[in-house]
Amino acid sequence: MSVYSGKSKIDFCHRLGNDWQDLATCLEIPTHRRNQFPQGRECQAIWEWLEEDDERLQKLSEALKFIKRDDLLSVLQPNEITPQKKYKVNPDIDLRPHLPNRRPQERQLGKAIQTHHDKQRPLLCLIHSNECQCSDSFVDRLAKYYLPTVIHGDGITSHFIHCDFSEDIDDLHQDISEELSLKLLGKRFVSDSEIVDAIVNERNPIILHSDMCTKNWSRCGGIKVIQNFIEFWAKLELPPTHRHLLLICLYFNYKDIKQSRLKSWLQKKSINDQIREKFKNLEKENFLEKFGINGIVLPELTSIEKEDVEAWAREHLRSVSDIVRPKIDNLFKSPDETIPMCDLARKLRKILEEFPPDVFKV
């Protein structure tokens, strides 16, 4: 909510005149944004830009002094409206801001689950994106919001299995086994049969997820390390009495790695582009024939489009969607009207803080 009254803003805009150009420059408003200002309403557009971020408003007084229009400071009167209450949103456990569109990935995974009838084997799911798309939160939202609508059970158990990815297959498999033992049984060294018993005794669908990044790929032999990861789960056999889904998720984060100029010139394609090609090839593979396990590579997680966030508001914030819509408009300033999930989640969290929790409908 603005700290200045509506009357102050109207008076300010009338008196600023053509100095709006110097003010916009001093405030460092991006050129592409200034080009979008409606003719004759440039000052109002500056206010809209300022009110998108409280830190920008704090720079206004200093900018006015710099362009020698500190006479306008007397016009700006504090807003007498009581500041809006902020409702606490826990960023560590609240996944509501991560709900805007991941439907293409969810639909593909849902189909794979529905056709996965061999519960004596895990179902493998590979997820890839750059780190700005919050692939770890995508797995968490699967467990909390999506999978309960697809599979039966009293609940879904989810464990993060940390892997020190190694080029040596025996070291990698031993590392996964130890992490499994620790998460399922609370101790690091147990037999394979004890691990299987712990999975069976869970009596609920289980998600076991690990993460990997470009550095792991470069250090550990590329696609071979993913094949070694898959091989561990392909060898895991559960008894015929096991009836619950065991979903193994490996999410891969593309990260920028600085390469020498010579290496970059010789390779032509970046390391991340090369990895994307490998994932596209994996999408075409029959996992059961190649690896002996049912598996799927989900479409790459990409930035979120404006229409998807609007759909999120209509579905989950129906009672306040008219209030939220202009706030969503202010989030999208790029020419393609998309935003990385990490930025979007942070900004949607601020929007959610303006409303009591019961406004949000799952």
Protein backbone atom coordinates (compact mmCIF):
# COMPACT_ATOMS: atom_id res chain seq x y z
CA MET A 1 0.00 0.00 0.00
CA SER A 2 1.32 3.46 -0.90
CA VAL A 3 2.69 5.61 1.93
CA TYR A 4 1.34 8.74 0.16
CA SER A 5 -2.26 9.88 -0.15
CA GLY A 6 -4.12 9.96 -3.44
CA LYS A 7 -4.50 13.77 -3.30
CA SER A 8 -0.75 14.16 -2.83
CA LYS A 9 -0.03 12.06 -5.90
CA ILE A 10 -2.48 14.02 -8.08
CA ASP A 11 -0.99 17.36 -7.01
CA PHE A 12 2.53 15.99 -7.48
CA CYS A 13 1.81 14.83 -11.05
CA HIS A 14 0.23 18.18 -12.00
CA ARG A 15 3.28 20.11 -10.80
CA LEU A 16 6.06 17.80 -12.03
CA GLY A 17 5.41 18.60 -15.70
CA ASN A 18 8.16 17.81 -18.21
CA ASP A 19 10.62 17.12 -15.41
CA TRP A 20 9.23 13.57 -15.41
CA GLN A 21 11.98 12.66 -17.88
CA ASP A 22 14.78 13.74 -15.54
CA LEU A 23 13.04 12.01 -12.63
CA ALA A 24 12.70 8.75 -14.58
CA THR A 25 16.38 8.90 -15.53
CA CYS A 26 17.46 9.62 -11.96
CA LEU A 27 15.35 6.77 -10.64
CA GLU A 28 16.96 4.50 -13.29
CA ILE A 29 13.65 3.31 -14.70
CA PRO A 30 14.55 0.90 -17.56
CA THR A 31 14.27 2.34 -21.06
CA HIS A 32 11.87 -0.38 -22.26
CA ARG A 33 9.56 0.48 -19.36
CA ARG A 34 9.69 4.23 -20.11
CA ASN A 35 8.77 3.51 -23.72
CA GLN A 36 5.54 1.95 -22.45
CA PHE A 37 4.47 5.11 -20.56
CA PRO A 38 1.13 6.46 -21.95
CA GLN A 39 1.60 9.89 -23.51
CA GLY A 40 0.39 12.61 -21.15
CA ARG A 41 0.33 10.23 -18.15
CA GLU A 42 4.04 9.69 -17.70
CA CYS A 43 4.07 10.87 -14.09
CA GLN A 44 1.27 8.47 -13.16
CA ALA A 45 3.27 5.67 -14.83
CA ILE A 46 6.29 6.60 -12.71
CA TRP A 47 4.13 6.26 -9.59
CA GLU A 48 2.98 2.81 -10.69
CA TRP A 49 6.61 1.78 -11.15
CA LEU A 50 7.57 3.19 -7.74
CA GLU A 51 4.74 1.42 -5.92
CA GLU A 52 5.79 -1.98 -7.24
CA ASP A 53 8.61 -2.00 -4.70
CA ASP A 54 8.80 -0.21 -1.35
CA GLU A 55 12.57 0.31 -1.78
CA ARG A 56 11.93 2.36 -4.92
CA LEU A 57 9.63 4.75 -3.06
CA GLN A 58 12.38 5.36 -0.53
CA LYS A 59 14.58 6.78 -3.31
CA LEU A 60 12.01 9.36 -4.44
CA SER A 61 13.02 12.15 -2.05
CA GLU A 62 16.71 11.86 -2.95
CA ALA A 63 15.88 11.87 -6.69
CA LEU A 64 13.72 15.01 -6.37
CA LYS A 65 16.55 16.82 -4.60
CA PHE A 66 19.01 15.76 -7.29
CA ILE A 67 16.87 17.17 -10.15
CA LYS A 68 16.35 20.32 -8.06
CA ARG A 69 12.61 19.74 -7.57
CA ASP A 70 12.71 19.43 -3.80
CA ASP A 71 9.85 21.93 -3.80
CA LEU A 72 7.63 18.92 -4.52
CA LEU A 73 8.56 17.31 -1.19
CA SER A 74 6.07 19.57 0.56
CA VAL A 75 3.30 18.19 -1.66
CA LEU A 76 3.84 14.60 -0.56
CA GLN A 77 1.68 14.01 2.49
CA PRO A 78 1.69 10.70 4.34
CA ASN A 79 -1.28 8.42 3.75
CA GLU A 80 -3.52 8.46 6.81
CA ILE A 81 -5.01 5.06 6.02
CA THR A 82 -4.01 2.40 8.53
CA PRO A 83 -1.25 0.22 7.10
CA GLN A 84 -2.53 -3.08 5.77
CA LYS A 85 -2.02 -6.09 8.00
CA LYS A 86 0.55 -8.59 6.80
CA TYR A 87 -0.25 -12.26 7.17
CA LYS A 88 2.65 -14.58 7.78
CA VAL A 89 3.67 -16.95 4.98
CA ASN A 90 6.28 -19.56 5.85
CA PRO A 91 8.64 -19.78 2.83
CA ASP A 92 10.05 -23.12 4.00
CA ILE A 93 6.80 -25.09 4.00
CA ASP A 94 4.19 -23.04 2.13
CA LEU A 95 4.10 -24.21 -1.49
CA ARG A 96 1.08 -22.15 -2.59
CA PRO A 97 3.18 -19.66 -4.60
CA HIS A 98 4.63 -22.60 -6.56
CA LEU A 99 1.24 -23.74 -7.92
CA PRO A 100 1.15 -21.73 -11.17
CA ASN A 101 1.41 -23.89 -14.20
CA ARG A 102 3.38 -27.11 -14.14
CA ARG A 103 0.49 -28.99 -15.75
CA PRO A 104 2.43 -30.36 -18.77
CA GLN A 105 4.85 -32.09 -16.40
CA GLU A 106 2.10 -33.24 -14.04
CA ARG A 107 -0.02 -34.67 -16.85
CA GLN A 108 2.88 -36.68 -18.24
CA LEU A 109 3.82 -38.00 -14.81
CA GLY A 110 0.16 -38.82 -14.07
CA LYS A 111 -0.07 -40.94 -17.22
CA ALA A 112 3.15 -42.75 -16.30
CA ILE A 113 1.80 -43.52 -12.82
CA GLN A 114 -1.52 -44.81 -14.17
CA THR A 115 0.24 -47.22 -16.53
CA HIS A 116 2.84 -48.33 -13.97
CA HIS A 117 1.34 -51.62 -12.82
CA ASP A 118 4.53 -53.38 -11.70
CA LYS A 119 4.69 -52.27 -8.07
CA GLN A 120 7.62 -54.64 -7.50
CA ARG A 121 9.71 -52.05 -9.33
CA PRO A 122 10.17 -48.33 -8.72
CA LEU A 123 8.98 -45.71 -11.21
CA LEU A 124 11.80 -43.37 -12.20
CA CYS A 125 11.20 -39.69 -13.04
CA LEU A 126 13.90 -37.37 -14.40
CA ILE A 127 13.27 -33.61 -14.10
CA HIS A 128 15.49 -30.91 -15.56
CA SER A 129 15.56 -27.11 -15.49
CA ASN A 130 17.81 -24.20 -14.62
CA GLU A 131 18.08 -23.44 -10.91
CA CYS A 132 15.68 -20.46 -11.20
CA GLN A 133 12.75 -22.82 -11.83
CA CYS A 134 12.72 -24.36 -8.30
CA SER A 135 12.76 -28.02 -9.35
CA ASP A 136 13.07 -29.11 -5.69
CA SER A 137 9.88 -27.23 -4.82
CA PHE A 138 8.24 -28.85 -7.85
CA VAL A 139 8.85 -32.27 -6.28
CA ASP A 140 7.47 -31.05 -2.96
CA ARG A 141 4.31 -29.69 -4.60
CA LEU A 142 3.85 -33.02 -6.40
CA ALA A 143 3.73 -34.77 -3.04
CA LYS A 144 1.47 -32.21 -1.38
CA TYR A 145 -0.97 -31.15 -4.09
CA TYR A 146 -0.86 -33.33 -7.20
CA LEU A 147 -0.12 -36.96 -6.33
CA PRO A 148 -2.94 -37.23 -3.72
CA THR A 149 -5.36 -36.65 -6.63
CA VAL A 150 -3.75 -39.44 -8.68
CA ILE A 151 -2.89 -42.26 -6.29
CA HIS A 152 -4.62 -43.87 -3.34
CA GLY A 153 -3.26 -43.92 0.19
CA ASP A 154 -3.54 -42.31 3.60
CA GLY A 155 -0.59 -40.06 2.84
CA ILE A 156 2.59 -39.75 0.83
CA THR A 157 6.02 -40.16 2.40
CA SER A 158 8.79 -38.06 0.88
CA HIS A 159 12.53 -38.31 1.57
CA PHE A 160 15.44 -36.38 0.10
CA ILE A 161 18.31 -38.76 -0.68
CA HIS A 162 21.56 -36.80 -0.89
CA CYS A 163 24.09 -38.28 -3.32
CA ASP A 164 27.78 -37.48 -3.64
CA PHE A 165 27.73 -38.33 -7.32
CA SER A 166 30.79 -40.34 -8.26
CA GLU A 167 32.10 -41.64 -11.57
CA ASP A 168 32.71 -44.96 -9.84
CA ILE A 169 29.46 -46.95 -9.97
CA ASP A 170 30.20 -48.92 -6.79
CA ASP A 171 30.85 -45.74 -4.79
CA LEU A 172 27.63 -44.17 -6.08
CA HIS A 173 25.53 -47.23 -5.28
CA GLN A 174 27.05 -47.50 -1.81
CA ASP A 175 26.32 -43.81 -1.19
CA ILE A 176 22.66 -44.19 -2.21
CA SER A 177 22.32 -47.32 -0.06
CA GLU A 178 23.72 -45.56 3.02
CA GLU A 179 21.44 -42.54 2.55
CA LEU A 180 18.41 -44.83 2.12
CA SER A 181 19.31 -46.68 5.30
CA LEU A 182 19.65 -43.44 7.23
CA LYS A 183 16.35 -41.98 6.02
CA LEU A 184 14.25 -45.14 6.32
CA LEU A 185 15.83 -46.85 9.35
CA GLY A 186 17.83 -44.17 11.13
CA LYS A 187 21.15 -45.96 10.72
CA ARG A 188 23.67 -45.87 7.93
CA PHE A 189 24.79 -49.48 7.36
CA VAL A 190 22.07 -52.11 6.89
CA SER A 191 21.49 -54.97 4.46
CA ASP A 192 19.58 -54.66 1.20
CA SER A 193 16.82 -56.86 2.60
CA GLU A 194 16.35 -54.49 5.56
CA ILE A 195 15.97 -51.56 3.14
CA VAL A 196 13.35 -53.49 1.17
CA ASP A 197 11.50 -54.37 4.39
CA ALA A 198 11.49 -50.70 5.42
CA ILE A 199 9.96 -49.68 2.08
CA VAL A 200 7.29 -52.38 2.30
CA ASN A 201 6.46 -51.55 5.93
CA GLU A 202 5.82 -47.90 5.01
CA ARG A 203 2.44 -48.98 3.54
CA ASN A 204 2.09 -45.64 1.77
CA PRO A 205 3.29 -44.26 -1.55
CA ILE A 206 6.89 -43.07 -1.24
CA ILE A 207 8.83 -40.39 -3.12
CA LEU A 208 12.62 -40.59 -2.90
CA HIS A 209 14.27 -37.61 -4.58
CA SER A 210 17.85 -36.57 -5.29
CA ASP A 211 19.37 -33.58 -7.04
CA MET A 212 22.24 -33.13 -9.44
CA CYS A 213 23.75 -30.19 -11.33
CA THR A 214 26.02 -29.32 -14.24
CA LYS A 215 29.13 -29.56 -12.05
CA ASN A 216 28.28 -33.17 -11.11
CA TRP A 217 27.80 -33.98 -14.79
CA SER A 218 31.14 -32.48 -15.82
CA ARG A 219 33.05 -34.05 -12.96
CA CYS A 220 31.53 -37.54 -13.05
CA GLY A 221 31.48 -38.66 -16.65
CA GLY A 222 28.35 -37.04 -18.10
CA ILE A 223 25.39 -39.22 -19.03
CA LYS A 224 27.13 -42.26 -17.56
CA VAL A 225 26.57 -41.04 -13.99
CA ILE A 226 22.82 -40.77 -14.62
CA GLN A 227 22.82 -44.27 -16.09
CA ASN A 228 24.63 -45.49 -12.99
CA PHE A 229 21.99 -43.80 -10.81
CA ILE A 230 19.22 -45.51 -12.79
CA GLU A 231 20.96 -48.88 -12.52
CA PHE A 232 20.82 -48.79 -8.71
CA TRP A 233 17.02 -48.51 -8.75
CA ALA A 234 16.66 -51.01 -11.60
CA LYS A 235 18.28 -53.65 -9.37
CA LEU A 236 15.90 -52.95 -6.46
CA GLU A 237 13.24 -55.66 -6.30
CA LEU A 238 10.25 -55.53 -3.96
CA PRO A 239 8.17 -58.55 -2.95
CA PRO A 240 4.91 -59.44 -4.78
CA THR A 241 2.96 -58.30 -1.72
CA HIS A 242 4.08 -54.70 -2.25
CA ARG A 243 1.21 -52.63 -3.65
CA HIS A 244 2.23 -48.99 -3.22
CA LEU A 245 3.96 -46.62 -5.61
CA LEU A 246 7.68 -46.06 -5.11
CA LEU A 247 8.57 -42.94 -7.12
CA ILE A 248 12.24 -42.06 -7.63
CA CYS A 249 12.85 -38.46 -8.75
CA LEU A 250 16.17 -37.09 -9.94
CA TYR A 251 16.04 -33.37 -10.64
CA PHE A 252 18.87 -31.87 -12.64
CA ASN A 253 19.71 -28.16 -12.32
CA TYR A 254 21.51 -26.40 -15.15
CA LYS A 255 24.13 -24.07 -13.73
CA ASP A 256 26.50 -21.77 -15.57
CA ILE A 257 30.08 -23.00 -15.62
CA LYS A 258 32.91 -20.75 -16.77
CA GLN A 259 34.93 -22.39 -19.52
CA SER A 260 38.17 -21.30 -21.13
CA ARG A 261 37.77 -19.40 -24.40
CA LEU A 262 39.52 -22.18 -26.29
CA LYS A 263 37.25 -24.87 -24.88
CA SER A 264 34.15 -22.78 -25.55
CA TRP A 265 35.28 -22.18 -29.14
CA LEU A 266 36.05 -25.86 -29.75
CA GLN A 267 32.77 -27.10 -28.29
CA LYS A 268 30.59 -24.46 -29.96
CA LYS A 269 27.62 -25.63 -27.86
CA SER A 270 27.65 -24.83 -24.15
CA ILE A 271 27.86 -27.70 -21.70
CA ASN A 272 24.24 -27.08 -20.69
CA ASP A 273 23.08 -27.26 -24.32
CA GLN A 274 24.90 -30.56 -24.67
CA ILE A 275 23.20 -31.89 -21.54
CA ARG A 276 19.78 -30.80 -22.85
CA GLU A 277 20.39 -32.85 -25.97
CA LYS A 278 21.13 -35.89 -23.82
CA PHE A 279 17.87 -35.43 -21.92
CA LYS A 280 15.96 -35.10 -25.19
CA ASN A 281 17.50 -38.38 -26.34
CA LEU A 282 16.52 -39.99 -23.03
CA GLU A 283 12.92 -38.82 -23.58
CA LYS A 284 12.75 -41.11 -26.63
CA GLU A 285 14.20 -44.15 -24.86
CA ASN A 286 12.13 -47.12 -23.73
CA PHE A 287 13.40 -47.22 -20.13
CA LEU A 288 12.12 -50.74 -19.51
CA GLU A 289 14.00 -52.16 -22.49
CA LYS A 290 17.17 -50.12 -21.98
CA PHE A 291 17.48 -50.04 -18.19
CA GLY A 292 15.02 -52.64 -16.89
CA ILE A 293 12.90 -50.05 -15.05
CA ASN A 294 9.85 -47.96 -15.92
CA GLY A 295 10.92 -44.36 -16.33
CA ILE A 296 10.08 -40.99 -17.81
CA VAL A 297 11.83 -37.71 -18.60
CA LEU A 298 9.50 -34.78 -17.95
CA PRO A 299 9.45 -31.72 -20.24
CA GLU A 300 11.97 -29.11 -19.09
CA LEU A 301 10.62 -26.75 -16.44
CA THR A 302 10.51 -23.29 -17.99
CA SER A 303 9.52 -19.78 -16.93
CA ILE A 304 5.85 -19.13 -16.12
CA GLU A 305 3.55 -17.21 -18.46
CA LYS A 306 1.23 -14.44 -17.34
CA GLU A 307 -1.95 -16.30 -18.30
CA ASP A 308 -0.94 -19.19 -16.04
CA VAL A 309 -0.60 -16.90 -13.02
CA GLU A 310 -3.97 -15.32 -13.84
CA ALA A 311 -5.48 -18.82 -13.94
CA TRP A 312 -3.85 -19.53 -10.54
CA ALA A 313 -5.54 -16.44 -9.08
CA ARG A 314 -8.95 -17.31 -10.56
CA GLU A 315 -8.74 -20.84 -9.19
CA HIS A 316 -7.22 -20.28 -5.77
CA LEU A 317 -8.03 -16.64 -4.93
CA ARG A 318 -11.53 -16.37 -6.38
CA SER A 319 -12.92 -14.01 -3.75
CA VAL A 320 -10.14 -11.43 -4.26
CA SER A 321 -9.19 -12.11 -7.89
CA ASP A 322 -10.22 -8.58 -8.97
CA ILE A 323 -7.79 -7.11 -6.42
CA VAL A 324 -5.01 -9.50 -7.34
CA ARG A 325 -5.23 -9.11 -11.15
CA PRO A 326 -3.51 -5.67 -11.35
CA LYS A 327 -0.81 -6.91 -8.98
CA ILE A 328 -0.14 -9.79 -11.37
CA ASP A 329 0.01 -7.36 -14.30
CA ASN A 330 2.83 -5.53 -12.52
CA LEU A 331 4.89 -8.73 -12.27
CA PHE A 332 5.29 -9.14 -16.01
CA LYS A 333 7.51 -6.54 -17.64
CA SER A 334 9.59 -8.73 -20.00
CA PRO A 335 8.67 -8.67 -23.71
CA ASP A 336 7.69 -12.37 -23.70
CA GLU A 337 5.61 -11.95 -20.51
CA THR A 338 7.27 -14.79 -18.61
CA ILE A 339 8.99 -14.93 -15.22
CA PRO A 340 11.28 -17.54 -13.59
CA MET A 341 9.51 -19.57 -10.92
CA CYS A 342 11.90 -18.48 -8.14
CA ASP A 343 11.14 -14.79 -8.81
CA LEU A 344 7.44 -15.47 -9.23
CA ALA A 345 7.15 -17.45 -5.99
CA ARG A 346 8.88 -14.68 -4.05
CA LYS A 347 6.52 -12.03 -5.43
CA LEU A 348 3.37 -14.14 -5.05
CA ARG A 349 4.37 -14.72 -1.44
CA LYS A 350 4.17 -10.93 -0.90
CA ILE A 351 0.72 -10.90 -2.49
CA LEU A 352 -0.47 -13.73 -0.24
CA GLU A 353 0.72 -11.80 2.82
CA GLU A 354 -2.00 -9.24 2.10
CA PHE A 355 -4.84 -11.72 2.65
CA PRO A 356 -5.88 -14.00 5.51
CA PRO A 357 -5.01 -17.69 4.90
CA ASP A 358 -8.67 -18.74 4.46
CA VAL A 359 -8.93 -16.63 1.28
CA PHE A 360 -6.76 -19.18 -0.55
CA LYS A 361 -8.78 -22.19 -1.77
CA VAL A 362 -6.99 -25.35 -2.85
